[in-house]
Amino acid sequence: MNRNRLHAAEVTRVHRENLQRNLQRRMEAARARGDQALLRMLEAEASYLR
């Protein structure tokens, strides 16, 4: 059982890292396009993930 919990914790950690990396990439794309509305939405999403 403990091994399953460790695996679940690792999966959760990797998932969160992937979400944050994807969000960062999306924010960079929004900045590059000058899309301030999208950037504000993504920043709100980033604060939700923290």
N, C-alpha and C. Protein backbone atom coordinates (compact mmCIF):
# COMPACT_ATOMS: atom_id res chain seq x y z
N MET A 1 0.82 -1.20 0.00
CA MET A 1 0.00 0.00 0.00
C MET A 1 0.87 1.26 0.00
N ASN A 2 1.91 1.26 0.81
CA ASN A 2 2.79 2.42 0.87
C ASN A 2 3.42 2.71 -0.49
N ARG A 3 3.76 1.66 -1.22
CA ARG A 3 4.35 1.84 -2.55
C ARG A 3 3.36 2.52 -3.49
N ASN A 4 2.08 2.16 -3.38
CA ASN A 4 1.05 2.80 -4.21
C ASN A 4 0.91 4.28 -3.89
N ARG A 5 1.01 4.60 -2.59
CA ARG A 5 0.92 6.01 -2.20
C ARG A 5 2.10 6.80 -2.73
N LEU A 6 3.29 6.21 -2.68
CA LEU A 6 4.47 6.88 -3.21
C LEU A 6 4.33 7.09 -4.71
N HIS A 7 3.83 6.09 -5.41
CA HIS A 7 3.63 6.21 -6.86
C HIS A 7 2.60 7.31 -7.16
N ALA A 8 1.52 7.33 -6.41
CA ALA A 8 0.48 8.35 -6.62
C ALA A 8 1.06 9.74 -6.36
N ALA A 9 1.88 9.88 -5.34
CA ALA A 9 2.49 11.18 -5.04
C ALA A 9 3.41 11.61 -6.17
N GLU A 10 4.16 10.67 -6.72
CA GLU A 10 5.06 10.98 -7.84
C GLU A 10 4.26 11.40 -9.08
N VAL A 11 3.19 10.68 -9.36
CA VAL A 11 2.34 11.02 -10.50
C VAL A 11 1.75 12.42 -10.32
N THR A 12 1.30 12.72 -9.12
CA THR A 12 0.74 14.04 -8.82
C THR A 12 1.79 15.13 -9.03
N ARG A 13 2.99 14.87 -8.54
CA ARG A 13 4.08 15.86 -8.68
C ARG A 13 4.41 16.11 -10.15
N VAL A 14 4.54 15.05 -10.92
CA VAL A 14 4.88 15.17 -12.34
C VAL A 14 3.76 15.88 -13.08
N HIS A 15 2.52 15.57 -12.74
CA HIS A 15 1.37 16.21 -13.39
C HIS A 15 1.39 17.71 -13.13
N ARG A 16 1.63 18.10 -11.89
CA ARG A 16 1.67 19.52 -11.54
C ARG A 16 2.80 20.23 -12.27
N GLU A 17 3.96 19.59 -12.35
CA GLU A 17 5.09 20.18 -13.09
C GLU A 17 4.73 20.37 -14.56
N ASN A 18 4.07 19.39 -15.14
CA ASN A 18 3.66 19.50 -16.54
C ASN A 18 2.66 20.62 -16.75
N LEU A 19 1.69 20.75 -15.84
CA LEU A 19 0.72 21.84 -15.93
C LEU A 19 1.43 23.20 -15.86
N GLN A 20 2.36 23.34 -14.93
CA GLN A 20 3.06 24.61 -14.78
C GLN A 20 3.94 24.92 -15.98
N ARG A 21 4.60 23.91 -16.52
CA ARG A 21 5.45 24.12 -17.70
C ARG A 21 4.59 24.52 -18.91
N ASN A 22 3.48 23.86 -19.09
CA ASN A 22 2.58 24.18 -20.20
C ASN A 22 2.02 25.59 -20.03
N LEU A 23 1.64 25.94 -18.83
CA LEU A 23 1.11 27.28 -18.56
C LEU A 23 2.16 28.33 -18.85
N GLN A 24 3.40 28.08 -18.45
CA GLN A 24 4.49 29.03 -18.72
C GLN A 24 4.68 29.24 -20.22
N ARG A 25 4.63 28.15 -20.96
CA ARG A 25 4.77 28.23 -22.43
C ARG A 25 3.61 29.05 -23.03
N ARG A 26 2.41 28.83 -22.54
CA ARG A 26 1.26 29.59 -23.03
C ARG A 26 1.38 31.07 -22.69
N MET A 27 1.89 31.37 -21.50
CA MET A 27 2.07 32.77 -21.11
C MET A 27 3.12 33.45 -21.99
N GLU A 28 4.19 32.75 -22.29
CA GLU A 28 5.22 33.31 -23.17
C GLU A 28 4.65 33.59 -24.56
N ALA A 29 3.82 32.69 -25.06
CA ALA A 29 3.21 32.89 -26.38
C ALA A 29 2.27 34.10 -26.35
N ALA A 30 1.50 34.24 -25.28
CA ALA A 30 0.58 35.38 -25.16
C ALA A 30 1.36 36.69 -25.10
N ARG A 31 2.47 36.70 -24.35
CA ARG A 31 3.31 37.90 -24.28
C ARG A 31 3.88 38.25 -25.65
N ALA A 32 4.35 37.23 -26.36
CA ALA A 32 4.95 37.45 -27.68
C ALA A 32 3.94 38.04 -28.66
N ARG A 33 2.68 37.63 -28.52
CA ARG A 33 1.63 38.14 -29.41
C ARG A 33 1.05 39.46 -28.91
N GLY A 34 1.40 39.84 -27.69
CA GLY A 34 0.85 41.06 -27.12
C GLY A 34 -0.60 40.91 -26.70
N ASP A 35 -1.02 39.69 -26.42
CA ASP A 35 -2.41 39.41 -26.04
C ASP A 35 -2.58 39.57 -24.53
N GLN A 36 -2.85 40.80 -24.11
CA GLN A 36 -2.93 41.11 -22.68
C GLN A 36 -4.12 40.44 -22.00
N ALA A 37 -5.23 40.31 -22.70
CA ALA A 37 -6.41 39.67 -22.11
C ALA A 37 -6.11 38.20 -21.80
N LEU A 38 -5.50 37.51 -22.74
CA LEU A 38 -5.14 36.11 -22.52
C LEU A 38 -4.10 36.01 -21.42
N LEU A 39 -3.15 36.90 -21.41
CA LEU A 39 -2.11 36.89 -20.39
C LEU A 39 -2.72 37.04 -19.00
N ARG A 40 -3.68 37.93 -18.84
CA ARG A 40 -4.34 38.09 -17.54
C ARG A 40 -5.06 36.81 -17.12
N MET A 41 -5.72 36.16 -18.07
CA MET A 41 -6.40 34.90 -17.75
C MET A 41 -5.40 33.82 -17.34
N LEU A 42 -4.28 33.76 -18.05
CA LEU A 42 -3.28 32.76 -17.73
C LEU A 42 -2.61 33.04 -16.39
N GLU A 43 -2.42 34.32 -16.07
CA GLU A 43 -1.87 34.68 -14.78
C GLU A 43 -2.82 34.27 -13.65
N ALA A 44 -4.12 34.43 -13.89
CA ALA A 44 -5.10 33.98 -12.89
C ALA A 44 -5.04 32.46 -12.74
N GLU A 45 -4.89 31.77 -13.85
CA GLU A 45 -4.75 30.31 -13.80
C GLU A 45 -3.49 29.92 -13.03
N ALA A 46 -2.41 30.66 -13.23
CA ALA A 46 -1.15 30.37 -12.54
C ALA A 46 -1.32 30.54 -11.03
N SER A 47 -2.04 31.56 -10.62
CA SER A 47 -2.24 31.77 -9.19
C SER A 47 -3.09 30.66 -8.59
N TYR A 48 -3.98 30.10 -9.39
CA TYR A 48 -4.80 28.99 -8.93
C TYR A 48 -3.95 27.74 -8.72
N LEU A 49 -2.92 27.55 -9.54
CA LEU A 49 -2.07 26.36 -9.43
C LEU A 49 -1.06 26.45 -8.29
N ARG A 50 -0.83 27.64 -7.78
CA ARG A 50 0.16 27.80 -6.70
C ARG A 50 -0.39 27.36 -5.38
